[in-house]
Amino acid sequence: MSQPQTYATTQDMAAKYRIGDDTVRRKAQTGEWPCDRIGRLYRFSPDQQDEIAQIVAGTRRGGYDKDRIAAALRKLSA
């Protein structure tokens, strides 16, 4: 039987990366870190936590990729 997914809170992420809660919220709010928003709370799924770990390690860019979005829009309009 598989274990249920555990979502991390902003406090969990702040402790993991040794940054402030406000910094985690700001990164989630600006879209730099992927997250799920439940009301006023931010939660991070295991997949999102893996993606954030790659962003922090520098192997992946955070935030929105403007070129990828522009290419997708061009493809839709064609």
PDB file of N, CA and C in Angstrom:
ATOM      1  N   MET A   1       0.839  -1.180   0.000  1.00  0.00           N
ATOM      2  CA  MET A   1       0.000   0.000   0.000  1.00  0.00           C
ATOM      3  C   MET A   1       0.885   1.244   0.000  1.00  0.00           C
ATOM      4  N   SER A   2       0.572   2.196  -0.834  1.00  0.00           N
ATOM      5  CA  SER A   2       1.394   3.402  -0.944  1.00  0.00           C
ATOM      6  C   SER A   2       1.038   4.392   0.160  1.00  0.00           C
ATOM      7  N   GLN A   3       2.024   5.180   0.529  1.00  0.00           N
ATOM      8  CA  GLN A   3       1.812   6.182   1.558  1.00  0.00           C
ATOM      9  C   GLN A   3       1.128   7.399   0.940  1.00  0.00           C
ATOM     10  N   PRO A   4       0.281   8.069   1.717  1.00  0.00           N
ATOM     11  CA  PRO A   4      -0.353   9.290   1.196  1.00  0.00           C
ATOM     12  C   PRO A   4       0.693  10.384   1.015  1.00  0.00           C
ATOM     13  N   GLN A   5       0.417  11.263   0.070  1.00  0.00           N
ATOM     14  CA  GLN A   5       1.326  12.377  -0.162  1.00  0.00           C
ATOM     15  C   GLN A   5       1.267  13.328   1.024  1.00  0.00           C
ATOM     16  N   THR A   6       2.428  13.794   1.438  1.00  0.00           N
ATOM     17  CA  THR A   6       2.461  14.759   2.529  1.00  0.00           C
ATOM     18  C   THR A   6       2.873  16.107   1.962  1.00  0.00           C
ATOM     19  N   TYR A   7       2.062  17.092   2.217  1.00  0.00           N
ATOM     20  CA  TYR A   7       2.334  18.444   1.760  1.00  0.00           C
ATOM     21  C   TYR A   7       3.106  19.183   2.844  1.00  0.00           C
ATOM     22  N   ALA A   8       4.108  19.928   2.435  1.00  0.00           N
ATOM     23  CA  ALA A   8       4.901  20.717   3.372  1.00  0.00           C
ATOM     24  C   ALA A   8       4.272  22.095   3.544  1.00  0.00           C
ATOM     25  N   THR A   9       4.432  22.642   4.726  1.00  0.00           N
ATOM     26  CA  THR A   9       3.948  23.992   5.008  1.00  0.00           C
ATOM     27  C   THR A   9       5.077  24.989   4.762  1.00  0.00           C
ATOM     28  N   THR A  10       4.756  26.259   4.856  1.00  0.00           N
ATOM     29  CA  THR A  10       5.801  27.276   4.704  1.00  0.00           C
ATOM     30  C   THR A  10       6.843  27.141   5.814  1.00  0.00           C
ATOM     31  N   GLN A  11       6.410  26.761   7.013  1.00  0.00           N
ATOM     32  CA  GLN A  11       7.349  26.586   8.117  1.00  0.00           C
ATOM     33  C   GLN A  11       8.288  25.414   7.843  1.00  0.00           C
ATOM     34  N   ASP A  12       7.757  24.320   7.261  1.00  0.00           N
ATOM     35  CA  ASP A  12       8.594  23.167   6.921  1.00  0.00           C
ATOM     36  C   ASP A  12       9.661  23.551   5.900  1.00  0.00           C
ATOM     37  N   MET A  13       9.248  24.293   4.882  1.00  0.00           N
ATOM     38  CA  MET A  13      10.183  24.693   3.825  1.00  0.00           C
ATOM     39  C   MET A  13      11.217  25.677   4.361  1.00  0.00           C
ATOM     40  N   ALA A  14      10.790  26.577   5.243  1.00  0.00           N
ATOM     41  CA  ALA A  14      11.721  27.544   5.834  1.00  0.00           C
ATOM     42  C   ALA A  14      12.778  26.820   6.668  1.00  0.00           C
ATOM     43  N   ALA A  15      12.359  25.824   7.427  1.00  0.00           N
ATOM     44  CA  ALA A  15      13.310  25.070   8.248  1.00  0.00           C
ATOM     45  C   ALA A  15      14.254  24.251   7.365  1.00  0.00           C
ATOM     46  N   LYS A  16      13.731  23.683   6.299  1.00  0.00           N
ATOM     47  CA  LYS A  16      14.544  22.845   5.415  1.00  0.00           C
ATOM     48  C   LYS A  16      15.653  23.644   4.747  1.00  0.00           C
ATOM     49  N   TYR A  17      15.337  24.861   4.297  1.00  0.00           N
ATOM     50  CA  TYR A  17      16.316  25.683   3.572  1.00  0.00           C
ATOM     51  C   TYR A  17      16.925  26.782   4.429  1.00  0.00           C
ATOM     52  N   ARG A  18      16.594  26.803   5.707  1.00  0.00           N
ATOM     53  CA  ARG A  18      17.144  27.775   6.660  1.00  0.00           C
ATOM     54  C   ARG A  18      16.946  29.221   6.209  1.00  0.00           C
ATOM     55  N   ILE A  19      15.710  29.509   5.852  1.00  0.00           N
ATOM     56  CA  ILE A  19      15.316  30.865   5.479  1.00  0.00           C
ATOM     57  C   ILE A  19      14.071  31.221   6.277  1.00  0.00           C
ATOM     58  N   GLY A  20      13.650  32.448   6.201  1.00  0.00           N
ATOM     59  CA  GLY A  20      12.483  32.889   6.949  1.00  0.00           C
ATOM     60  C   GLY A  20      11.168  32.473   6.301  1.00  0.00           C
ATOM     61  N   ASP A  21      10.132  32.385   7.120  1.00  0.00           N
ATOM     62  CA  ASP A  21       8.793  32.061   6.627  1.00  0.00           C
ATOM     63  C   ASP A  21       8.340  33.071   5.580  1.00  0.00           C
ATOM     64  N   ASP A  22       8.640  34.343   5.833  1.00  0.00           N
ATOM     65  CA  ASP A  22       8.227  35.395   4.904  1.00  0.00           C
ATOM     66  C   ASP A  22       8.908  35.224   3.545  1.00  0.00           C
ATOM     67  N   THR A  23      10.140  34.772   3.532  1.00  0.00           N
ATOM     68  CA  THR A  23      10.860  34.553   2.279  1.00  0.00           C
ATOM     69  C   THR A  23      10.205  33.428   1.483  1.00  0.00           C
ATOM     70  N   VAL A  24       9.803  32.362   2.170  1.00  0.00           N
ATOM     71  CA  VAL A  24       9.122  31.247   1.495  1.00  0.00           C
ATOM     72  C   VAL A  24       7.809  31.743   0.895  1.00  0.00           C
ATOM     73  N   ARG A  25       7.046  32.489   1.673  1.00  0.00           N
ATOM     74  CA  ARG A  25       5.769  33.021   1.167  1.00  0.00           C
ATOM     75  C   ARG A  25       5.985  33.935  -0.039  1.00  0.00           C
ATOM     76  N   ARG A  26       7.018  34.769   0.009  1.00  0.00           N
ATOM     77  CA  ARG A  26       7.291  35.684  -1.101  1.00  0.00           C
ATOM     78  C   ARG A  26       7.667  34.911  -2.360  1.00  0.00           C
ATOM     79  N   LYS A  27       8.508  33.887  -2.221  1.00  0.00           N
ATOM     80  CA  LYS A  27       8.910  33.085  -3.378  1.00  0.00           C
ATOM     81  C   LYS A  27       7.710  32.350  -3.975  1.00  0.00           C
ATOM     82  N   ALA A  28       6.800  31.885  -3.125  1.00  0.00           N
ATOM     83  CA  ALA A  28       5.593  31.213  -3.611  1.00  0.00           C
ATOM     84  C   ALA A  28       4.639  32.213  -4.259  1.00  0.00           C
ATOM     85  N   GLN A  29       4.493  33.371  -3.658  1.00  0.00           N
ATOM     86  CA  GLN A  29       3.569  34.388  -4.158  1.00  0.00           C
ATOM     87  C   GLN A  29       4.007  34.940  -5.502  1.00  0.00           C
ATOM     88  N   THR A  30       5.312  35.122  -5.694  1.00  0.00           N
ATOM     89  CA  THR A  30       5.803  35.674  -6.954  1.00  0.00           C
ATOM     90  C   THR A  30       5.913  34.625  -8.058  1.00  0.00           C
ATOM     91  N   GLY A  31       5.737  33.351  -7.695  1.00  0.00           N
ATOM     92  CA  GLY A  31       5.822  32.296  -8.695  1.00  0.00           C
ATOM     93  C   GLY A  31       7.218  31.733  -8.873  1.00  0.00           C
ATOM     94  N   GLU A  32       8.161  32.183  -8.068  1.00  0.00           N
ATOM     95  CA  GLU A  32       9.524  31.664  -8.164  1.00  0.00           C
ATOM     96  C   GLU A  32       9.568  30.200  -7.733  1.00  0.00           C
ATOM     97  N   TRP A  33       8.759  29.844  -6.733  1.00  0.00           N
ATOM     98  CA  TRP A  33       8.646  28.461  -6.279  1.00  0.00           C
ATOM     99  C   TRP A  33       7.229  27.975  -6.563  1.00  0.00           C
ATOM    100  N   PRO A  34       7.071  26.777  -7.115  1.00  0.00           N
ATOM    101  CA  PRO A  34       5.730  26.237  -7.358  1.00  0.00           C
ATOM    102  C   PRO A  34       5.059  25.869  -6.033  1.00  0.00           C
ATOM    103  N   CYS A  35       3.752  26.078  -5.970  1.00  0.00           N
ATOM    104  CA  CYS A  35       3.030  25.758  -4.738  1.00  0.00           C
ATOM    105  C   CYS A  35       1.547  25.593  -5.052  1.00  0.00           C
ATOM    106  N   ASP A  36       0.829  25.080  -4.079  1.00  0.00           N
ATOM    107  CA  ASP A  36      -0.632  25.045  -4.113  1.00  0.00           C
ATOM    108  C   ASP A  36      -1.109  26.000  -3.044  1.00  0.00           C
ATOM    109  N   ARG A  37      -2.114  26.766  -3.390  1.00  0.00           N
ATOM    110  CA  ARG A  37      -2.624  27.739  -2.428  1.00  0.00           C
ATOM    111  C   ARG A  37      -3.988  27.289  -1.946  1.00  0.00           C
ATOM    112  N   ILE A  38      -4.139  27.229  -0.650  1.00  0.00           N
ATOM    113  CA  ILE A  38      -5.405  26.842  -0.032  1.00  0.00           C
ATOM    114  C   ILE A  38      -5.814  28.006   0.853  1.00  0.00           C
ATOM    115  N   GLY A  39      -6.731  28.817   0.357  1.00  0.00           N
ATOM    116  CA  GLY A  39      -7.097  30.027   1.086  1.00  0.00           C
ATOM    117  C   GLY A  39      -5.909  30.957   1.140  1.00  0.00           C
ATOM    118  N   ARG A  40      -5.490  31.300   2.344  1.00  0.00           N
ATOM    119  CA  ARG A  40      -4.315  32.163   2.509  1.00  0.00           C
ATOM    120  C   ARG A  40      -3.043  31.368   2.763  1.00  0.00           C
ATOM    121  N   LEU A  41      -3.152  30.050   2.781  1.00  0.00           N
ATOM    122  CA  LEU A  41      -2.015  29.193   3.113  1.00  0.00           C
ATOM    123  C   LEU A  41      -1.341  28.659   1.854  1.00  0.00           C
ATOM    124  N   TYR A  42      -0.044  28.479   1.920  1.00  0.00           N
ATOM    125  CA  TYR A  42       0.714  27.877   0.838  1.00  0.00           C
ATOM    126  C   TYR A  42       1.128  26.474   1.258  1.00  0.00           C
ATOM    127  N   ARG A  43       0.943  25.506   0.350  1.00  0.00           N
ATOM    128  CA  ARG A  43       1.347  24.128   0.603  1.00  0.00           C
ATOM    129  C   ARG A  43       2.188  23.654  -0.572  1.00  0.00           C
ATOM    130  N   PHE A  44       3.131  22.774  -0.288  1.00  0.00           N
ATOM    131  CA  PHE A  44       4.074  22.291  -1.291  1.00  0.00           C
ATOM    132  C   PHE A  44       3.977  20.775  -1.379  1.00  0.00           C
ATOM    133  N   SER A  45       3.566  20.257  -2.537  1.00  0.00           N
ATOM    134  CA  SER A  45       3.451  18.820  -2.741  1.00  0.00           C
ATOM    135  C   SER A  45       4.837  18.197  -2.854  1.00  0.00           C
ATOM    136  N   PRO A  46       4.948  16.884  -2.739  1.00  0.00           N
ATOM    137  CA  PRO A  46       6.261  16.242  -2.900  1.00  0.00           C
ATOM    138  C   PRO A  46       6.911  16.543  -4.250  1.00  0.00           C
ATOM    139  N   ASP A  47       6.128  16.575  -5.329  1.00  0.00           N
ATOM    140  CA  ASP A  47       6.676  16.916  -6.644  1.00  0.00           C
ATOM    141  C   ASP A  47       7.194  18.347  -6.668  1.00  0.00           C
ATOM    142  N   GLN A  48       6.437  19.247  -6.062  1.00  0.00           N
ATOM    143  CA  GLN A  48       6.861  20.645  -6.001  1.00  0.00           C
ATOM    144  C   GLN A  48       8.098  20.803  -5.126  1.00  0.00           C
ATOM    145  N   GLN A  49       8.192  20.009  -4.068  1.00  0.00           N
ATOM    146  CA  GLN A  49       9.374  20.052  -3.211  1.00  0.00           C
ATOM    147  C   GLN A  49      10.613  19.607  -3.975  1.00  0.00           C
ATOM    148  N   ASP A  50      10.459  18.575  -4.824  1.00  0.00           N
ATOM    149  CA  ASP A  50      11.579  18.119  -5.652  1.00  0.00           C
ATOM    150  C   ASP A  50      12.008  19.215  -6.626  1.00  0.00           C
ATOM    151  N   GLU A  51      11.019  19.888  -7.231  1.00  0.00           N
ATOM    152  CA  GLU A  51      11.314  20.969  -8.174  1.00  0.00           C
ATOM    153  C   GLU A  51      12.020  22.129  -7.463  1.00  0.00           C
ATOM    154  N   ILE A  52      11.589  22.449  -6.270  1.00  0.00           N
ATOM    155  CA  ILE A  52      12.216  23.526  -5.498  1.00  0.00           C
ATOM    156  C   ILE A  52      13.653  23.148  -5.147  1.00  0.00           C
ATOM    157  N   ALA A  53      13.874  21.884  -4.807  1.00  0.00           N
ATOM    158  CA  ALA A  53      15.235  21.427  -4.498  1.00  0.00           C
ATOM    159  C   ALA A  53      16.147  21.615  -5.705  1.00  0.00           C
ATOM    160  N   GLN A  54      15.627  21.370  -6.918  1.00  0.00           N
ATOM    161  CA  GLN A  54      16.411  21.584  -8.134  1.00  0.00           C
ATOM    162  C   GLN A  54      16.671  23.067  -8.358  1.00  0.00           C
ATOM    163  N   ILE A  55      15.692  23.906  -8.072  1.00  0.00           N
ATOM    164  CA  ILE A  55      15.861  25.355  -8.224  1.00  0.00           C
ATOM    165  C   ILE A  55      16.924  25.856  -7.257  1.00  0.00           C
ATOM    166  N   VAL A  56      16.863  25.408  -6.015  1.00  0.00           N
ATOM    167  CA  VAL A  56      17.828  25.846  -5.003  1.00  0.00           C
ATOM    168  C   VAL A  56      19.227  25.352  -5.351  1.00  0.00           C
ATOM    169  N   ALA A  57      19.320  24.125  -5.883  1.00  0.00           N
ATOM    170  CA  ALA A  57      20.626  23.560  -6.245  1.00  0.00           C
ATOM    171  C   ALA A  57      21.200  24.223  -7.499  1.00  0.00           C
ATOM    172  N   GLY A  58      20.375  24.937  -8.240  1.00  0.00           N
ATOM    173  CA  GLY A  58      20.843  25.631  -9.434  1.00  0.00           C
ATOM    174  C   GLY A  58      20.777  24.798 -10.699  1.00  0.00           C
ATOM    175  N   THR A  59      20.160  23.622 -10.638  1.00  0.00           N
ATOM    176  CA  THR A  59      20.052  22.785 -11.833  1.00  0.00           C
ATOM    177  C   THR A  59      18.805  23.090 -12.635  1.00  0.00           C
ATOM    178  N   ARG A  60      17.949  23.944 -12.104  1.00  0.00           N
ATOM    179  CA  ARG A  60      16.715  24.302 -12.805  1.00  0.00           C
ATOM    180  C   ARG A  60      16.373  25.747 -12.489  1.00  0.00           C
ATOM    181  N   ARG A  61      15.816  26.428 -13.481  1.00  0.00           N
ATOM    182  CA  ARG A  61      15.403  27.822 -13.271  1.00  0.00           C
ATOM    183  C   ARG A  61      14.045  27.871 -12.606  1.00  0.00           C
ATOM    184  N   GLY A  62      13.888  28.813 -11.711  1.00  0.00           N
ATOM    185  CA  GLY A  62      12.604  29.000 -11.065  1.00  0.00           C
ATOM    186  C   GLY A  62      11.774  30.025 -11.804  1.00  0.00           C
ATOM    187  N   GLY A  63      10.516  30.097 -11.475  1.00  0.00           N
ATOM    188  CA  GLY A  63       9.636  31.093 -12.062  1.00  0.00           C
ATOM    189  C   GLY A  63       9.124  30.690 -13.423  1.00  0.00           C
ATOM    190  N   TYR A  64       8.584  31.642 -14.112  1.00  0.00           N
ATOM    191  CA  TYR A  64       7.981  31.407 -15.407  1.00  0.00           C
ATOM    192  C   TYR A  64       9.008  31.557 -16.508  1.00  0.00           C
ATOM    193  N   ASP A  65       8.977  30.662 -17.459  1.00  0.00           N
ATOM    194  CA  ASP A  65       9.868  30.720 -18.605  1.00  0.00           C
ATOM    195  C   ASP A  65       9.122  31.464 -19.722  1.00  0.00           C
ATOM    196  N   LYS A  66       9.456  32.728 -19.914  1.00  0.00           N
ATOM    197  CA  LYS A  66       8.734  33.572 -20.872  1.00  0.00           C
ATOM    198  C   LYS A  66       8.846  33.041 -22.295  1.00  0.00           C
ATOM    199  N   ASP A  67      10.010  32.510 -22.667  1.00  0.00           N
ATOM    200  CA  ASP A  67      10.179  31.989 -24.020  1.00  0.00           C
ATOM    201  C   ASP A  67       9.279  30.780 -24.260  1.00  0.00           C
ATOM    202  N   ARG A  68       9.169  29.906 -23.264  1.00  0.00           N
ATOM    203  CA  ARG A  68       8.330  28.724 -23.409  1.00  0.00           C
ATOM    204  C   ARG A  68       6.865  29.117 -23.523  1.00  0.00           C
ATOM    205  N   ILE A  69       6.442  30.100 -22.742  1.00  0.00           N
ATOM    206  CA  ILE A  69       5.069  30.566 -22.796  1.00  0.00           C
ATOM    207  C   ILE A  69       4.772  31.229 -24.131  1.00  0.00           C
ATOM    208  N   ALA A  70       5.695  32.054 -24.628  1.00  0.00           N
ATOM    209  CA  ALA A  70       5.515  32.719 -25.923  1.00  0.00           C
ATOM    210  C   ALA A  70       5.424  31.687 -27.043  1.00  0.00           C
ATOM    211  N   ALA A  71       6.263  30.652 -26.994  1.00  0.00           N
ATOM    212  CA  ALA A  71       6.226  29.598 -28.016  1.00  0.00           C
ATOM    213  C   ALA A  71       4.901  28.851 -27.980  1.00  0.00           C
ATOM    214  N   ALA A  72       4.398  28.594 -26.800  1.00  0.00           N
ATOM    215  CA  ALA A  72       3.118  27.902 -26.677  1.00  0.00           C
ATOM    216  C   ALA A  72       1.981  28.756 -27.230  1.00  0.00           C
ATOM    217  N   LEU A  73       2.027  30.059 -26.970  1.00  0.00           N
ATOM    218  CA  LEU A  73       0.985  30.950 -27.492  1.00  0.00           C
ATOM    219  C   LEU A  73       1.039  31.038 -29.017  1.00  0.00           C
ATOM    220  N   ARG A  74       2.263  31.091 -29.569  1.00  0.00           N
ATOM    221  CA  ARG A  74       2.397  31.105 -31.038  1.00  0.00           C
ATOM    222  C   ARG A  74       1.837  29.824 -31.635  1.00  0.00           C
ATOM    223  N   LYS A  75       2.084  28.699 -30.994  1.00  0.00           N
ATOM    224  CA  LYS A  75       1.600  27.415 -31.492  1.00  0.00           C
ATOM    225  C   LYS A  75       0.087  27.362 -31.457  1.00  0.00           C
ATOM    226  N   LEU A  76      -0.520  27.929 -30.416  1.00  0.00           N
ATOM    227  CA  LEU A  76      -1.974  27.945 -30.320  1.00  0.00           C
ATOM    228  C   LEU A  76      -2.612  28.847 -31.374  1.00  0.00           C
ATOM    229  N   SER A  77      -1.972  29.958 -31.676  1.00  0.00           N
ATOM    230  CA  SER A  77      -2.551  30.909 -32.625  1.00  0.00           C
ATOM    231  C   SER A  77      -2.371  30.463 -34.076  1.00  0.00           C
ATOM    232  N   ALA A  78      -1.450  29.536 -34.324  1.00  0.00           N
ATOM    233  CA  ALA A  78      -1.190  29.058 -35.701  1.00  0.00           C
ATOM    234  C   ALA A  78      -2.235  28.079 -36.173  1.00  0.00           C
TER     235      ALA A  78
END
